[in-house]
Amino acid sequence: MLKSEMLADVECHVVESVVPKSDDEPYDRIVAWIRKDNFLPVQVLFYSGTDQPKKKFTIQKFEKQGQTLVVTESTMQTVQKGHTTHMLLRDLKLGAPLKDSEFTLRALERG
């Protein structure tokens, strides 16, 4: 844990993770701002060999469904390229029955 600070009007723990070098891992360091009230990340910065982040993940909205917090709006930004992916989650049904046939390779490839 690096420190505690406010981000987006929310009190956060700032936590740094150092990732062991590996061909499978594109980042060597990750810094996350974790809400103190519910432990969801407000922002996560991904670093690879420099002091400037490669990617930035932010959560804009979440909702509680039963006992579960569900992220309903988030953004991933590739910082140097200025590319942004905005994700919206709608009509999620937790605990919905699923058939084993929905998890075959063919069904997963089909979508």
C-alpha atoms as a PDB file:
ATOM      1  CA  MET A   1       0.000   0.000   0.000  1.00  0.00           C
ATOM      2  CA  LEU A   2       1.433   3.347  -1.034  1.00  0.00           C
ATOM      3  CA  LYS A   3      -0.980   5.784   0.620  1.00  0.00           C
ATOM      4  CA  SER A   4      -4.597   6.831   1.099  1.00  0.00           C
ATOM      5  CA  GLU A   5      -6.097   9.672  -0.926  1.00  0.00           C
ATOM      6  CA  MET A   6      -9.275  11.020  -2.487  1.00  0.00           C
ATOM      7  CA  LEU A   7      -9.990  10.266  -6.148  1.00  0.00           C
ATOM      8  CA  ALA A   8     -13.248  11.208  -7.859  1.00  0.00           C
ATOM      9  CA  ASP A   9     -14.618  12.365  -4.481  1.00  0.00           C
ATOM     10  CA  VAL A  10     -14.081   8.885  -3.003  1.00  0.00           C
ATOM     11  CA  GLU A  11     -11.657   7.905  -0.246  1.00  0.00           C
ATOM     12  CA  CYS A  12      -9.226   5.297  -1.635  1.00  0.00           C
ATOM     13  CA  HIS A  13      -6.321   3.053  -0.725  1.00  0.00           C
ATOM     14  CA  VAL A  14      -3.557   3.397  -3.343  1.00  0.00           C
ATOM     15  CA  VAL A  15      -2.007  -0.040  -3.857  1.00  0.00           C
ATOM     16  CA  GLU A  16       0.981  -0.937  -6.033  1.00  0.00           C
ATOM     17  CA  SER A  17       1.555  -4.439  -7.377  1.00  0.00           C
ATOM     18  CA  VAL A  18       4.933  -5.389  -8.831  1.00  0.00           C
ATOM     19  CA  VAL A  19       4.619  -8.181 -11.362  1.00  0.00           C
ATOM     20  CA  PRO A  20       7.457 -10.717 -11.847  1.00  0.00           C
ATOM     21  CA  LYS A  21       9.024 -10.583 -15.304  1.00  0.00           C
ATOM     22  CA  SER A  22       7.429 -13.069 -17.670  1.00  0.00           C
ATOM     23  CA  ASP A  23       6.819 -13.419 -21.400  1.00  0.00           C
ATOM     24  CA  ASP A  24       3.134 -13.899 -20.580  1.00  0.00           C
ATOM     25  CA  GLU A  25       2.765 -10.668 -18.566  1.00  0.00           C
ATOM     26  CA  PRO A  26       2.802  -7.371 -20.504  1.00  0.00           C
ATOM     27  CA  TYR A  27       2.991  -5.130 -17.395  1.00  0.00           C
ATOM     28  CA  ASP A  28       5.661  -4.935 -14.711  1.00  0.00           C
ATOM     29  CA  ARG A  29       3.765  -2.670 -12.305  1.00  0.00           C
ATOM     30  CA  ILE A  30       0.097  -1.948 -11.566  1.00  0.00           C
ATOM     31  CA  VAL A  31      -1.165   0.893  -9.354  1.00  0.00           C
ATOM     32  CA  ALA A  32      -4.789   0.779  -8.207  1.00  0.00           C
ATOM     33  CA  TRP A  33      -7.028   3.249  -6.367  1.00  0.00           C
ATOM     34  CA  ILE A  34      -9.360   1.016  -4.333  1.00  0.00           C
ATOM     35  CA  ARG A  35     -12.488   2.465  -2.693  1.00  0.00           C
ATOM     36  CA  LYS A  36     -12.356   2.155   1.086  1.00  0.00           C
ATOM     37  CA  ASP A  37     -16.128   1.691   1.407  1.00  0.00           C
ATOM     38  CA  ASN A  38     -16.645  -1.277  -0.938  1.00  0.00           C
ATOM     39  CA  PHE A  39     -13.154  -2.237  -2.222  1.00  0.00           C
ATOM     40  CA  LEU A  40     -13.966  -1.656  -5.912  1.00  0.00           C
ATOM     41  CA  PRO A  41     -11.195  -0.079  -7.999  1.00  0.00           C
ATOM     42  CA  VAL A  42     -11.906   3.522  -9.000  1.00  0.00           C
ATOM     43  CA  GLN A  43      -8.852   3.624 -11.266  1.00  0.00           C
ATOM     44  CA  VAL A  44      -6.059   1.214 -12.248  1.00  0.00           C
ATOM     45  CA  LEU A  45      -2.862   2.220 -14.073  1.00  0.00           C
ATOM     46  CA  PHE A  46      -0.804  -0.398 -15.936  1.00  0.00           C
ATOM     47  CA  TYR A  47       2.939   0.238 -16.454  1.00  0.00           C
ATOM     48  CA  SER A  48       5.516  -1.473 -18.647  1.00  0.00           C
ATOM     49  CA  GLY A  49       9.122  -0.348 -18.258  1.00  0.00           C
ATOM     50  CA  THR A  50       8.442   3.405 -17.997  1.00  0.00           C
ATOM     51  CA  ASP A  51       7.092   5.942 -15.527  1.00  0.00           C
ATOM     52  CA  GLN A  52       4.164   6.672 -17.852  1.00  0.00           C
ATOM     53  CA  PRO A  53       1.209   4.250 -17.739  1.00  0.00           C
ATOM     54  CA  LYS A  54       0.466   2.197 -20.852  1.00  0.00           C
ATOM     55  CA  LYS A  55      -3.207   1.704 -19.958  1.00  0.00           C
ATOM     56  CA  LYS A  56      -5.731   3.256 -17.608  1.00  0.00           C
ATOM     57  CA  PHE A  57      -8.873   1.479 -16.382  1.00  0.00           C
ATOM     58  CA  THR A  58     -11.656   3.428 -14.640  1.00  0.00           C
ATOM     59  CA  ILE A  59     -15.044   2.483 -13.249  1.00  0.00           C
ATOM     60  CA  GLN A  60     -17.722   5.124 -13.763  1.00  0.00           C
ATOM     61  CA  LYS A  61     -20.794   3.280 -12.406  1.00  0.00           C
ATOM     62  CA  PHE A  62     -21.698   0.202 -10.415  1.00  0.00           C
ATOM     63  CA  GLU A  63     -24.846  -1.179  -8.828  1.00  0.00           C
ATOM     64  CA  LYS A  64     -25.682  -3.656  -6.120  1.00  0.00           C
ATOM     65  CA  GLN A  65     -27.578  -6.773  -7.180  1.00  0.00           C
ATOM     66  CA  GLY A  66     -28.413  -8.753  -4.083  1.00  0.00           C
ATOM     67  CA  GLN A  67     -25.132  -9.101  -2.198  1.00  0.00           C
ATOM     68  CA  THR A  68     -23.001  -8.526  -5.308  1.00  0.00           C
ATOM     69  CA  LEU A  69     -21.550  -5.256  -6.619  1.00  0.00           C
ATOM     70  CA  VAL A  70     -21.681  -5.216 -10.422  1.00  0.00           C
ATOM     71  CA  VAL A  71     -19.665  -2.795 -12.555  1.00  0.00           C
ATOM     72  CA  THR A  72     -22.100  -1.413 -15.139  1.00  0.00           C
ATOM     73  CA  GLU A  73     -19.926   1.228 -16.816  1.00  0.00           C
ATOM     74  CA  SER A  74     -16.142   1.259 -17.220  1.00  0.00           C
ATOM     75  CA  THR A  75     -13.419   2.507 -19.557  1.00  0.00           C
ATOM     76  CA  MET A  76     -10.040   1.144 -20.662  1.00  0.00           C
ATOM     77  CA  GLN A  77      -7.724   3.674 -22.283  1.00  0.00           C
ATOM     78  CA  THR A  78      -4.462   3.021 -24.127  1.00  0.00           C
ATOM     79  CA  VAL A  79      -2.723   6.187 -22.944  1.00  0.00           C
ATOM     80  CA  GLN A  80      -0.027   6.774 -25.609  1.00  0.00           C
ATOM     81  CA  LYS A  81      -2.314   5.985 -28.549  1.00  0.00           C
ATOM     82  CA  GLY A  82      -5.324   7.797 -27.120  1.00  0.00           C
ATOM     83  CA  HIS A  83      -7.564   4.796 -27.889  1.00  0.00           C
ATOM     84  CA  THR A  84     -10.474   4.242 -25.510  1.00  0.00           C
ATOM     85  CA  THR A  85     -12.874   1.338 -25.064  1.00  0.00           C
ATOM     86  CA  HIS A  86     -16.042   2.174 -23.153  1.00  0.00           C
ATOM     87  CA  MET A  87     -17.937  -0.790 -21.681  1.00  0.00           C
ATOM     88  CA  LEU A  88     -21.604  -0.802 -20.659  1.00  0.00           C
ATOM     89  CA  LEU A  89     -23.295  -3.751 -18.974  1.00  0.00           C
ATOM     90  CA  ARG A  90     -27.078  -3.960 -19.160  1.00  0.00           C
ATOM     91  CA  ASP A  91     -29.727  -6.535 -18.325  1.00  0.00           C
ATOM     92  CA  LEU A  92     -27.435  -8.714 -16.222  1.00  0.00           C
ATOM     93  CA  LYS A  93     -29.214 -11.523 -14.390  1.00  0.00           C
ATOM     94  CA  LEU A  94     -27.142 -13.039 -11.612  1.00  0.00           C
ATOM     95  CA  GLY A  95     -27.849 -16.649 -10.741  1.00  0.00           C
ATOM     96  CA  ALA A  96     -29.624 -17.368 -14.039  1.00  0.00           C
ATOM     97  CA  PRO A  97     -29.599 -21.112 -14.806  1.00  0.00           C
ATOM     98  CA  LEU A  98     -27.045 -22.100 -17.454  1.00  0.00           C
ATOM     99  CA  LYS A  99     -26.836 -25.347 -19.371  1.00  0.00           C
ATOM    100  CA  ASP A 100     -23.546 -27.225 -19.729  1.00  0.00           C
ATOM    101  CA  SER A 101     -24.082 -27.107 -23.506  1.00  0.00           C
ATOM    102  CA  GLU A 102     -23.563 -23.315 -23.411  1.00  0.00           C
ATOM    103  CA  PHE A 103     -19.907 -23.900 -22.481  1.00  0.00           C
ATOM    104  CA  THR A 104     -18.809 -26.218 -25.277  1.00  0.00           C
ATOM    105  CA  LEU A 105     -15.996 -24.982 -27.525  1.00  0.00           C
ATOM    106  CA  ARG A 106     -18.441 -24.672 -30.418  1.00  0.00           C
ATOM    107  CA  ALA A 107     -20.953 -22.626 -28.389  1.00  0.00           C
ATOM    108  CA  LEU A 108     -18.236 -20.321 -27.024  1.00  0.00           C
ATOM    109  CA  GLU A 109     -16.776 -19.709 -30.497  1.00  0.00           C
ATOM    110  CA  ARG A 110     -20.254 -18.967 -31.876  1.00  0.00           C
ATOM    111  CA  GLY A 111     -20.984 -16.472 -29.093  1.00  0.00           C
END
